[in-house]
Protein backbone atom coordinates (compact mmCIF):
# COMPACT_ATOMS: atom_id res chain seq x y z
CA SER A 1 93.85 136.58 133.49
CA GLU A 2 90.08 136.98 133.34
CA SER A 3 90.43 140.64 132.36
CA ARG A 4 92.49 139.89 129.29
CA ASP A 5 90.64 139.88 126.03
CA SER A 6 90.71 136.76 123.92
CA GLY A 7 92.58 138.50 121.08
CA SER A 8 95.62 139.25 123.25
CA VAL A 9 95.63 135.68 124.56
CA LEU A 10 95.75 134.27 121.04
CA ASN A 11 98.52 136.67 120.09
CA GLU A 12 100.56 135.61 123.11
CA VAL A 13 100.11 131.90 122.34
CA THR A 14 101.79 132.26 118.99
CA VAL A 15 105.07 133.53 120.49
CA ILE A 16 105.38 131.24 123.53
CA GLU A 17 107.58 128.17 123.30
CA PRO A 18 106.22 125.14 125.18
CA ARG A 19 108.18 124.15 128.26
CA GLN A 20 108.46 120.46 127.58
CA THR A 21 109.54 119.50 131.09
CA PRO A 22 108.78 115.83 131.72
CA ALA A 23 106.89 114.84 134.84
CA ASN A 24 109.75 112.47 135.61
CA PRO A 25 113.09 114.15 134.69
CA ASP A 26 114.91 110.83 135.03
CA ARG A 27 112.87 109.39 132.11
CA PRO A 28 112.55 112.13 129.49
CA THR A 29 110.17 111.51 126.58
CA ALA A 30 110.22 112.88 123.07
CA PRO A 31 107.47 115.38 122.21
CA LEU A 32 104.49 113.96 120.33
CA GLY A 33 103.16 115.57 117.18
CA PHE A 34 99.57 116.66 116.68
CA PHE A 35 98.56 113.70 114.51
CA ILE A 36 100.11 111.16 116.89
CA VAL A 37 98.11 112.62 119.77
CA PHE A 38 95.03 112.73 117.54
CA ALA A 39 95.47 109.04 116.68
CA ILE A 40 95.76 108.14 120.37
CA ILE A 41 92.63 110.00 121.46
CA PHE A 42 90.53 109.39 118.34
CA PRO A 43 88.88 106.15 119.60
CA ALA A 44 87.24 108.28 122.31
CA PHE A 45 85.33 110.14 119.58
CA THR A 46 83.87 107.04 117.95
CA GLY A 47 81.05 106.62 120.45
CA MET A 48 78.98 109.09 118.43
CA THR A 49 78.44 106.37 115.78
CA ALA A 50 77.69 103.55 118.21
CA GLY A 51 74.02 103.63 117.30
CA VAL A 52 74.81 102.39 113.79
CA GLY A 53 75.89 99.03 115.17
CA LEU A 54 72.73 98.78 117.29
CA SER A 55 70.29 99.51 114.48
CA GLY A 56 68.59 96.16 114.96
CA ASP A 57 67.39 97.26 118.41
CA LEU A 58 65.94 100.55 117.19
CA LYS A 59 62.24 101.04 116.56
CA ASP A 60 62.76 103.29 113.53
CA PRO A 61 66.40 103.00 112.37
CA GLY A 62 65.79 105.10 109.26
CA ARG A 63 64.95 108.10 111.44
CA SER A 64 66.89 107.38 114.61
CA LEU A 65 70.31 106.65 113.09
CA PRO A 66 70.81 109.94 111.18
CA LEU A 67 69.21 111.97 113.96
CA GLY A 68 71.19 110.31 116.76
CA THR A 69 74.51 110.36 114.91
CA MET A 70 74.22 114.02 113.92
CA THR A 71 73.03 115.02 117.40
CA ALA A 72 75.91 113.18 119.08
CA THR A 73 78.42 114.71 116.65
CA ILE A 74 77.17 118.26 117.16
CA ALA A 75 76.96 117.83 120.94
CA GLY A 76 80.52 116.49 121.04
CA MET A 77 81.77 119.43 118.97
CA ILE A 78 80.09 121.89 121.33
CA VAL A 79 81.68 120.22 124.38
CA TYR A 80 85.18 120.30 122.85
CA ILE A 81 84.78 123.94 121.79
CA PHE A 82 83.72 124.91 125.33
CA ILE A 83 86.75 123.06 126.72
CA ALA A 84 89.04 125.10 124.46
CA PHE A 85 87.39 128.36 125.59
CA LYS A 86 87.57 127.26 129.24
CA LEU A 87 91.29 126.57 128.98
CA ALA A 88 91.98 129.85 127.18
CA ASP A 89 89.95 131.83 129.73
CA SER A 90 91.15 130.15 132.94
CA ALA A 91 94.85 129.60 132.32
CA SER A 92 97.67 131.69 130.96
CA PRO A 93 99.53 130.64 127.82
CA GLN A 94 102.61 130.01 129.97
CA ASP A 95 100.69 127.54 132.14
CA LEU A 96 99.17 125.79 129.11
CA SER A 97 102.62 125.35 127.55
CA ASP A 98 103.98 123.66 130.69
CA THR A 99 103.68 119.89 130.18
CA SER A 100 105.09 119.01 133.61
CA LYS A 101 101.69 119.27 135.28
CA LEU A 102 98.03 118.74 134.46
CA ILE A 103 96.66 122.26 134.30
CA MET A 104 93.04 121.03 134.26
CA ALA A 105 93.49 119.80 137.84
CA ASP A 106 93.95 123.42 138.92
CA ILE A 107 91.02 124.90 137.03
CA ALA A 108 88.44 122.09 137.30
CA TRP A 109 85.04 123.21 138.61
CA GLN A 110 84.95 120.95 141.70
CA GLY A 111 88.65 120.29 142.02
CA TRP A 112 91.07 117.72 140.73
CA TRP A 113 88.97 114.70 141.80
CA ILE A 114 86.37 115.28 139.05
CA ILE A 115 88.95 114.66 136.30
CA PRO A 116 89.42 110.90 136.96
CA ILE A 117 85.63 110.56 137.10
CA GLY A 118 85.27 112.29 133.72
CA LEU A 119 88.04 110.22 132.18
CA ALA A 120 86.49 107.03 133.53
CA ALA A 121 83.06 108.00 132.18
CA ALA A 122 84.48 108.80 128.74
CA THR A 123 86.56 105.62 128.63
CA ILE A 124 83.73 103.40 129.85
CA SER A 125 81.28 104.93 127.37
CA SER A 126 83.63 104.26 124.44
CA ALA A 127 84.42 100.77 125.73
CA LEU A 128 80.74 99.95 126.27
CA GLY A 129 79.89 101.28 122.82
CA SER A 130 82.50 99.08 121.18
CA ILE A 131 81.79 96.02 123.31
CA MET A 132 78.10 96.28 122.43
CA VAL A 133 78.49 97.13 118.75
CA ALA A 134 81.23 94.66 117.77
CA PRO A 135 79.37 91.46 118.83
CA ARG A 136 76.20 92.49 117.03
CA THR A 137 78.21 93.31 113.93
CA LEU A 138 79.86 89.88 114.04
CA GLN A 139 76.47 88.25 114.57
CA ALA A 140 74.96 90.10 111.59
CA ILE A 141 77.92 89.19 109.36
CA ALA A 142 77.63 85.54 110.38
CA ARG A 143 73.89 85.51 109.62
CA ASP A 144 74.68 86.81 106.16
CA ARG A 145 77.07 83.83 105.81
CA MET A 146 80.08 86.04 105.16
CA PHE A 147 82.63 83.90 107.01
CA PRO A 148 84.45 81.11 105.14
CA THR A 149 82.96 78.10 106.94
CA PRO A 150 79.30 77.28 107.65
CA LEU A 151 80.24 76.07 111.14
CA LEU A 152 81.76 79.43 112.08
CA ASN A 153 78.77 81.29 110.65
CA GLN A 154 76.37 79.12 112.64
CA TRP A 155 78.28 79.48 115.91
CA LEU A 156 78.69 83.28 115.71
CA SER A 157 75.10 83.87 114.60
CA GLN A 158 73.59 82.19 117.67
CA GLY A 159 71.95 84.47 120.23
CA LYS A 160 70.64 83.97 123.76
CA GLY A 161 67.59 85.21 125.61
CA GLY A 162 64.48 86.95 124.40
CA ARG A 163 66.49 89.82 122.90
CA ASP A 164 68.78 87.49 120.95
CA GLU A 165 71.95 88.70 122.69
CA PRO A 166 75.11 87.76 120.70
CA PHE A 167 76.83 85.75 123.45
CA ASN A 168 79.27 83.81 121.24
CA ALA A 169 80.23 86.92 119.29
CA SER A 170 80.78 88.75 122.60
CA VAL A 171 83.26 86.06 123.68
CA VAL A 172 85.22 86.54 120.45
CA THR A 173 85.15 90.33 120.94
CA ILE A 174 86.46 90.06 124.51
CA VAL A 175 89.27 87.74 123.39
CA ILE A 176 90.35 90.17 120.65
CA ALA A 177 90.17 93.16 123.02
CA GLY A 178 92.13 91.26 125.66
CA ALA A 179 94.86 90.43 123.16
CA PHE A 180 95.33 94.12 122.34
CA ILE A 181 95.30 95.10 126.02
CA MET A 182 97.91 92.45 126.85
CA ALA A 183 100.17 93.96 124.19
CA GLY A 184 100.85 96.71 126.73
CA ALA A 185 101.81 99.55 124.36
CA LEU A 186 98.48 101.34 124.63
CA ASP A 187 99.59 104.32 122.55
CA SER A 188 100.44 102.03 119.61
CA VAL A 189 97.26 100.02 120.15
CA ALA A 190 95.22 103.23 120.10
CA GLN A 191 96.84 104.22 116.79
CA ILE A 192 96.04 100.82 115.26
CA ILE A 193 92.44 101.04 116.47
CA SER A 194 92.19 104.55 115.04
CA MET A 195 93.37 103.24 111.68
CA PHE A 196 90.60 100.67 111.49
CA PHE A 197 87.99 103.21 112.54
CA MET A 198 89.29 105.62 109.92
CA VAL A 199 89.46 103.05 107.12
CA THR A 200 85.90 101.99 107.96
CA TYR A 201 84.56 105.54 107.92
CA GLY A 202 86.56 106.34 104.79
CA SER A 203 85.26 103.25 102.99
CA LEU A 204 81.67 104.13 103.90
CA CYS A 205 82.13 107.66 102.56
CA LEU A 206 83.80 106.32 99.41
CA ILE A 207 80.97 103.84 98.80
CA SER A 208 78.46 106.64 99.32
CA PHE A 209 80.30 108.81 96.78
CA LEU A 210 80.55 105.98 94.24
CA SER A 211 76.85 105.21 94.70
CA HIS A 212 76.05 108.86 94.00
CA PHE A 213 78.25 108.80 90.90
CA ALA A 214 76.89 105.46 89.64
CA ALA A 215 73.37 106.96 89.73
CA ASP A 216 71.60 103.63 90.12
CA PRO A 217 67.83 104.36 90.03
CA SER A 218 67.22 101.50 92.47
CA TYR A 219 69.54 103.09 95.07
CA ARG A 220 67.04 105.09 97.13
CA PRO A 221 68.46 105.80 100.63
CA ARG A 222 66.11 107.44 103.13
CA PHE A 223 68.90 109.69 104.38
CA LYS A 224 70.55 111.48 101.48
CA SER A 225 73.85 113.33 101.53
CA ARG A 226 75.59 115.41 98.92
CA TRP A 227 78.20 113.67 96.80
CA TYR A 228 80.85 116.29 97.61
CA ILE A 229 80.33 115.70 101.36
CA SER A 230 80.92 111.97 100.88
CA LEU A 231 84.00 112.64 98.74
CA PHE A 232 85.37 115.11 101.30
CA GLY A 233 84.80 112.56 104.08
CA ALA A 234 86.61 109.81 102.17
CA LEU A 235 89.60 112.01 101.29
CA SER A 236 89.78 113.36 104.85
CA CYS A 237 89.74 109.90 106.44
CA PHE A 238 92.37 108.41 104.16
CA GLY A 239 94.49 111.57 104.37
CA LEU A 240 94.39 111.59 108.18
CA MET A 241 95.39 107.93 108.22
CA PHE A 242 98.66 108.68 106.43
CA PHE A 243 99.30 111.78 108.55
CA MET A 244 98.90 109.65 111.69
CA ASN A 245 101.09 106.74 110.65
CA GLY A 246 101.83 105.82 107.04
CA PHE A 247 102.85 102.25 107.84
CA TYR A 248 99.72 101.49 109.87
CA ALA A 249 97.60 103.19 107.18
CA ILE A 250 98.95 100.91 104.46
CA LEU A 251 98.38 97.86 106.68
CA ALA A 252 94.78 98.92 107.37
CA ILE A 253 94.04 99.48 103.68
CA ILE A 254 95.60 96.14 102.74
CA ALA A 255 93.57 94.45 105.48
CA ILE A 256 90.23 95.84 104.27
CA VAL A 257 91.06 95.03 100.62
CA VAL A 258 92.00 91.45 101.53
CA LEU A 259 88.84 91.21 103.64
CA HIS A 260 86.71 92.39 100.71
CA PHE A 261 88.23 89.94 98.25
CA GLY A 262 88.02 87.15 100.80
CA ILE A 263 84.32 87.77 101.35
CA SER A 264 83.77 88.00 97.58
CA PHE A 265 85.60 84.71 97.05
CA PHE A 266 83.59 82.78 99.62
CA ASN A 267 80.34 84.57 98.71
CA PRO A 268 80.24 84.86 94.90
CA ASP A 269 76.52 85.70 95.02
CA LYS A 270 77.17 88.92 96.97
CA LYS A 271 78.49 91.42 94.43
CA SER A 272 77.29 94.77 95.77
CA MET A 273 80.66 96.47 95.26
CA ALA A 274 80.93 94.98 91.78
CA LEU A 275 77.54 96.47 90.91
CA ILE A 276 78.63 99.87 92.23
CA PHE A 277 81.80 99.81 90.12
CA GLN A 278 79.79 98.70 87.09
CA GLY A 279 77.59 101.73 87.60
CA VAL A 280 80.64 104.00 87.94
CA ILE A 281 82.16 102.61 84.74
CA PHE A 282 78.81 103.03 82.99
CA GLN A 283 78.65 106.69 83.99
CA LEU A 284 82.26 107.31 82.95
CA SER A 285 81.60 105.66 79.60
CA ARG A 286 78.43 107.68 79.12
CA GLN A 287 80.19 110.96 79.91
CA LEU A 288 83.11 110.13 77.62
CA GLN A 289 80.80 109.20 74.76
CA VAL A 290 78.88 112.44 75.07
CA PHE A 291 82.13 114.41 75.30
CA LEU A 292 83.59 112.77 72.20
CA GLN A 293 80.40 113.28 70.25
CA LYS A 294 80.33 116.98 71.15
CA ALA A 295 84.01 117.40 70.38
CA ASP A 296 83.84 115.71 66.95
CA LYS A 297 87.29 117.00 66.03
CA GLU A 298 88.73 113.95 64.30
CA GLN A 299 89.10 114.45 60.58
CA ALA A 300 90.52 112.28 57.83
CA SER A 301 93.99 113.57 58.75
CA SER A 302 93.79 111.76 62.10
CA TRP A 303 91.83 108.72 60.98
CA ARG A 304 91.35 105.80 63.32
CA PRO A 305 89.10 102.81 62.65
CA SER A 306 85.68 102.64 64.25
CA ALA A 307 84.63 99.42 62.58
CA VAL A 308 81.40 97.45 62.53
CA ALA A 309 81.26 93.88 61.21
CA PHE A 310 78.07 92.26 59.92
CA SER A 311 77.88 88.50 59.39
CA GLU A 312 75.48 85.61 59.66
CA SER A 313 78.22 82.95 59.53
CA THR A 314 79.98 83.85 62.76
CA PHE A 315 80.06 80.34 64.17
CA GLU A 316 81.07 78.73 60.87
CA ARG A 317 83.85 81.16 59.89
CA LEU A 318 85.85 83.17 62.43
CA GLY A 319 87.75 85.28 59.92
CA ALA A 320 85.68 88.46 60.31
CA PHE A 321 85.60 88.12 64.10
CA ASP A 322 89.39 87.71 64.29
CA LEU A 323 90.06 90.56 61.88
CA LEU A 324 87.78 92.93 63.80
CA ARG A 325 89.42 92.21 67.15
CA TRP A 326 92.87 92.76 65.65
CA ILE A 327 91.80 96.10 64.18
CA SER A 328 90.14 97.30 67.40
CA GLN A 329 92.65 96.00 69.95
CA LYS A 330 94.82 99.11 70.21
CA TYR A 331 94.13 101.76 67.61
CA GLY A 332 90.36 101.76 67.19
CA PHE A 333 86.97 100.45 68.18
CA GLY A 334 84.97 97.50 66.96
CA THR A 335 81.34 96.37 66.97
CA TYR A 336 80.43 92.87 65.83
CA ILE A 337 76.82 92.25 64.78
CA HIS A 338 75.64 88.69 64.18
CA ARG A 339 72.63 88.54 61.89
CA ILE A 340 69.72 86.20 62.70
CA ASN A 341 67.50 85.66 59.69
CA GLY A 342 63.79 86.00 60.47
CA TYR A 343 61.16 88.18 62.06
CA ILE A 344 61.12 89.23 65.70
CA SER A 345 59.37 86.62 67.84
CA LYS A 346 59.85 84.85 71.13
CA GLN A 347 61.71 82.08 69.35
CA THR A 348 64.11 84.36 67.47
CA ARG A 349 64.54 86.45 70.62
CA ARG A 350 65.65 83.36 72.55
CA GLU A 351 67.97 82.43 69.70
CA ALA A 352 69.42 85.95 69.72
CA GLN A 353 70.09 85.82 73.46
CA LYS A 354 71.76 82.45 73.10
CA CYS A 355 73.94 83.66 70.22
CA LYS A 356 74.89 86.80 72.12
CA GLY A 357 76.03 84.68 75.05
CA ARG A 358 78.24 82.66 72.71
CA LEU A 359 79.66 85.86 71.22
CA ILE A 360 80.48 87.22 74.68
CA ASN A 361 82.25 83.96 75.53
CA MET A 362 84.26 84.23 72.31
CA ALA A 363 85.24 87.80 73.11
CA GLU A 364 86.30 86.85 76.64
CA ALA A 365 88.22 83.78 75.47
CA THR A 366 90.22 85.86 72.98
CA ASP A 367 90.69 88.80 75.38
CA SER A 368 89.32 91.18 72.76
CA ASN A 369 88.05 94.75 73.07
CA ILE A 370 85.08 94.50 70.75
CA TYR A 371 81.41 95.02 71.49
CA VAL A 372 79.18 92.15 70.34
CA ASP A 373 75.45 91.99 69.67
CA THR A 374 72.82 90.33 67.49
CA LEU A 375 70.31 91.68 64.99
CA ILE A 376 67.07 89.95 63.97
CA THR A 377 66.06 90.90 60.43
CA PRO A 378 64.33 89.09 57.54
CA SER A 379 66.21 91.10 54.92
CA TYR A 380 69.94 91.46 54.42
CA THR A 381 69.50 94.98 53.05
CA ALA A 382 67.35 96.02 56.02
CA GLY A 383 70.03 94.65 58.33
CA VAL A 384 72.78 96.60 56.58
CA ALA A 385 70.67 99.77 56.70
CA GLN A 386 70.28 99.40 60.46
CA VAL A 387 73.91 98.52 61.11
CA ILE A 388 75.40 101.48 59.24
CA GLN A 389 73.25 103.81 61.35
CA LEU A 390 74.44 102.38 64.67
CA PRO A 391 76.36 104.84 66.85
CA GLY A 392 79.95 103.92 67.56
CA ILE A 393 80.71 102.56 71.02
CA ALA A 394 83.27 105.35 71.56
CA GLY A 395 80.75 108.13 71.06
CA THR A 396 81.98 108.82 67.52
CA GLU A 397 80.41 107.66 64.27
CA ASN A 398 81.44 104.34 62.77
CA ASN A 399 83.54 104.77 59.64
CA LEU A 400 84.49 101.26 58.52
CA MET A 401 82.25 98.37 57.44
CA LEU A 402 83.56 94.80 57.46
CA PHE A 403 81.99 91.91 55.52
CA GLU A 404 83.20 88.39 54.90
CA PHE A 405 82.52 85.56 52.45
CA SER A 406 83.92 82.14 51.73
CA LYS A 407 85.93 81.98 48.52
CA ASN A 408 84.88 78.36 48.07
CA THR A 409 81.13 78.99 48.56
CA PRO A 410 80.45 82.72 48.08
CA ASP A 411 76.71 82.45 48.67
CA ASN A 412 76.42 85.78 50.50
CA LEU A 413 78.69 87.72 48.15
CA PRO A 414 75.82 88.94 45.88
CA ASP A 415 74.11 90.48 48.95
CA ILE A 416 77.31 92.34 49.85
CA ILE A 417 77.70 93.67 46.32
CA ASP A 418 74.04 94.73 46.11
CA ASN A 419 74.38 96.83 49.29
CA PHE A 420 77.75 98.36 48.47
CA LYS A 421 76.23 101.55 47.05
CA LEU A 422 73.94 101.91 50.09
CA ILE A 423 76.94 101.80 52.41
CA HIS A 424 78.84 104.36 50.35
CA THR A 425 76.04 106.89 50.73
CA LEU A 426 77.25 107.36 54.34
CA ASP A 427 80.93 107.62 53.31
CA PHE A 428 81.90 104.35 54.96
CA ASP A 429 85.18 102.68 54.15
CA VAL A 430 84.42 99.09 53.16
CA ILE A 431 86.60 96.03 53.61
CA ILE A 432 85.51 92.59 52.41
CA LEU A 433 87.36 89.51 53.66
CA GLY A 434 87.50 86.47 51.42
CA THR A 435 88.32 83.45 53.59
CA THR A 436 89.66 79.98 52.91
CA GLU A 437 90.11 76.85 54.97
CA ARG A 438 93.72 77.91 55.48
CA ALA A 439 92.44 81.00 57.34
CA PHE A 440 95.25 83.36 58.46
CA GLY A 441 97.91 80.66 58.43
CA LEU A 442 100.95 81.32 60.58
CA ARG A 443 100.27 85.06 60.92
CA LYS A 444 103.77 85.99 59.82
CA GLN A 445 103.34 87.73 56.46
CA ILE A 446 101.01 90.47 55.19
CA HIS A 447 101.26 91.32 51.51
CA ILE A 448 99.90 94.60 50.15
CA TRP A 449 99.30 94.97 46.43
CA ILE A 450 99.14 98.51 45.05
CA THR A 451 98.34 99.26 41.42
CA ALA A 452 98.11 102.48 39.46
CA THR A 453 94.33 102.53 39.99
CA ASP A 454 94.57 102.08 43.78
CA TYR A 455 95.98 105.46 44.83
CA ASN A 456 92.80 106.29 46.73
CA ASN A 457 92.91 102.97 48.60
CA ALA A 458 96.67 102.60 49.08
CA ASN A 459 97.08 104.50 52.34
CA LEU A 460 94.11 102.76 53.97
CA MET A 461 95.56 99.40 52.94
CA ILE A 462 98.90 100.31 54.51
CA LEU A 463 97.26 101.67 57.68
CA LEU A 464 95.17 98.52 58.15
CA ALA A 465 98.22 96.30 57.72
CA TYR A 466 100.11 98.38 60.28
CA ILE A 467 97.18 98.20 62.73
CA ILE A 468 96.86 94.43 62.35
CA LEU A 469 100.60 94.02 62.84
CA GLY A 470 100.30 95.79 66.21
CA HIS A 471 98.30 92.91 67.70
CA ARG A 472 100.20 90.45 69.86
CA GLU A 473 99.03 87.49 67.74
CA TRP A 474 100.95 88.96 64.81
CA ARG A 475 104.12 89.54 66.83
CA GLY A 476 107.18 89.01 64.67
CA ALA A 477 105.23 89.32 61.41
CA GLU A 478 106.30 91.57 58.55
CA ILE A 479 104.63 93.65 55.88
CA LYS A 480 105.66 93.39 52.26
CA ILE A 481 104.46 95.86 49.64
CA PHE A 482 104.19 95.04 45.95
CA THR A 483 103.67 97.94 43.58
CA MET A 484 102.54 97.22 40.05
CA CYS A 485 102.99 100.19 37.76
CA THR A 486 104.22 101.16 34.34
CA GLU A 487 107.88 101.52 33.52
CA GLU A 488 107.47 105.29 33.31
CA GLY A 489 105.87 105.70 36.75
CA MET A 490 108.08 103.26 38.63
CA GLU A 491 110.70 105.79 39.73
CA ALA A 492 108.10 108.16 41.19
CA GLU A 493 106.43 105.37 43.13
CA ARG A 494 109.79 104.17 44.44
CA ASN A 495 110.72 107.63 45.73
CA LYS A 496 107.32 108.07 47.38
CA LEU A 497 107.39 104.77 49.30
CA TYR A 498 111.06 105.02 50.27
CA GLY A 499 110.44 108.53 51.56
CA LEU A 500 107.74 107.26 53.94
CA ILE A 501 109.94 104.38 55.08
CA ASN A 502 113.00 106.56 55.69
CA ALA A 503 110.88 109.02 57.67
CA GLY A 504 109.92 106.19 60.00
CA GLN A 505 106.25 106.43 59.10
CA LEU A 506 106.01 102.87 57.80
CA PRO A 507 107.32 99.89 59.85
CA ILE A 508 108.65 98.23 56.72
CA SER A 509 112.15 97.42 55.63
CA PRO A 510 113.13 98.77 52.19
CA HIS A 511 114.02 95.19 51.33
CA ASN A 512 110.32 94.31 51.72
CA VAL A 513 109.20 96.63 48.93
CA GLU A 514 109.10 95.22 45.43
CA PHE A 515 108.27 97.13 42.27
CA ILE A 516 106.85 95.12 39.41
CA ALA A 517 106.56 96.45 35.88
CA ARG A 518 103.09 95.81 34.57
CA LYS A 519 102.95 93.85 31.31
CA PRO A 520 99.78 93.79 29.23
CA GLU A 521 100.14 90.13 28.34
CA ILE A 522 100.24 88.98 32.01
CA ARG A 523 97.17 89.27 34.24
CA HIS A 524 97.96 90.98 37.53
CA ARG A 525 96.06 88.27 39.48
CA ALA A 526 98.45 85.68 38.15
CA VAL A 527 101.33 87.76 39.49
CA ILE A 528 99.58 88.09 42.87
CA THR A 529 99.01 84.34 43.01
CA GLU A 530 102.67 83.68 42.26
CA LYS A 531 104.12 86.19 44.72
CA SER A 532 101.62 85.81 47.61
CA LYS A 533 100.94 82.09 47.63
CA ASP A 534 102.58 81.81 51.08
CA ALA A 535 101.21 85.06 52.53
CA ASP A 536 98.94 84.79 55.57
CA LEU A 537 96.90 87.83 54.51
CA THR A 538 96.86 89.51 51.13
CA ILE A 539 95.44 93.04 50.86
CA VAL A 540 94.26 94.36 47.50
CA GLY A 541 92.36 97.46 46.44
CA LEU A 542 88.69 97.54 45.46
CA ARG A 543 87.27 100.30 43.25
CA GLU A 544 83.57 101.08 43.28
CA GLU A 545 83.45 101.62 39.51
CA ALA A 546 84.98 98.22 38.81
CA LEU A 547 82.62 96.55 41.27
CA VAL A 548 79.57 98.11 39.61
CA HIS A 549 80.62 96.99 36.13
CA ARG A 550 82.17 93.61 36.86
CA GLY A 551 80.36 92.42 40.02
CA MET A 552 81.50 89.08 41.40
CA GLU A 553 84.21 88.78 38.78
CA ILE A 554 86.28 91.21 40.84
CA PHE A 555 86.65 88.57 43.56
CA ASP A 556 87.59 85.69 41.25
CA GLY A 557 91.09 84.45 40.60
CA TYR A 558 92.35 84.38 44.21
CA GLN A 559 91.48 80.78 45.06
CA ALA A 560 95.11 79.64 45.13
CA ILE A 561 96.17 81.97 47.96
CA GLY A 562 95.08 82.42 51.56
CA ASN A 563 92.72 85.02 53.00
CA VAL A 564 92.31 88.13 50.87
CA LEU A 565 91.14 91.51 52.16
CA PHE A 566 89.53 93.78 49.56
CA VAL A 567 89.79 97.43 50.63
CA ASN A 568 87.76 100.40 49.41
CA SER A 569 88.43 103.81 50.93
CA ALA A 570 85.68 106.42 50.79
CA GLN A 571 88.32 109.15 51.04
CA GLU A 572 92.07 109.09 50.75
CA LYS A 573 93.78 108.70 54.12
CA LYS A 574 96.90 110.61 55.04
CA ILE A 575 99.96 108.98 56.57
CA LYS A 576 101.69 111.69 58.62
């Protein structure tokens, strides 16, 4: 056999069927697959990482751990490769395929007796590694107060002797090991142990990969690895787990997840994993924002709201806050800016931080998807100029500006009107909410009023009503459209709206559309007051030309109805 070249040996191996003759013919056993055998013998490989658990005893762990682990791994690989070459060189493929005898007993260097010694040495080394590492790990965990009860932490953290040997933790380790040994089914026990080794190694690799991806500047490990190596290690470990035994793999993953949440519950101050995931989410958000900004493919034909609200009466009137979170819940994005009047100082900075905390609490309490912040500015105009230049939180430009005022005390309305032209220079759509003490009522009816002069605003009014209706707080509500036009143009308007409804583009029943002939002797606001007195939100159009010439008069005459939303569209929106 020694004269045969290795190529012919390999070729012969591929065509030889193993002779699966059991050592005891009276008790035949089913053949074991590769991954089952791998799971059984894998615990013998884990000694190469034993130094990690003994880092407290090392003089220079930062140098010794990577060097020792890599050296042990490479040395082990060399040994196993030489074993494979030894078997291929010293035994025929027919002998290797015969499972009825231990072929290594025939080809061992000093005879069969050296095999039990080698097995004993390998087993004892793995056992000693585990029996030394596990107690110190338990002791370290207890000293970090990770266990649920202070008494258990204190008992396990105690050490004896000058070297602080973990005696109590060793007792617990021996009890656990004894319980597994007493189970008797060593093959199954070995598979379970392999699962926990694998899930540990896989979790470490996954954490390393996530730390790389999170790119935390304060994360400065002395031993650096490439992110793709960590990712490959994590995928390999979790993949091998399921190849070995899917049921045990699921149990091991569930166990480590439960362990993590248990530790987090009893130790709320230890949030390392939470910080890693925050970093990952930050990086994902950053990449998505940059991608969306570079893409910049959304045009008016595929309009979606990216709204920013600006108010200094947030904690007195919630109308703008509620409207913004309804708009941004599903179809768009929202940024809420609370204005603090004054110059930047330590006092106003503290006030801003306090207000921001209240805003965050409001957002959490309402389960909203809006971004909140504060802005310190002595001038309303300066504040508006800064807000309209803010980048959108989605990486795209903001396109909708939301203001609010009280219809009973419209003190801030002149400021809104004065800055309207400034906002329009950036082609912002503008919506102005006039609020009352009735607020949004029962949230069951939205009325839209369209006149002959509102063609440019009509589609935006309809889109906003549809978006608001999609929020769960408006579940069961309905939209009703009122169209005021001349007798001559009524038929054309009716065909246009019914066409959109029949095409399924508007979630409105034809019965909820009413056409009203405009009469010169009757003011249209009187008609709105009569028809929408019970509406929870009334939406009307707002033209820039009328606002410039008539000013605050545009907003008068709606005191007898609930909240009114005045809508001005910079460009006509398309409903497809």
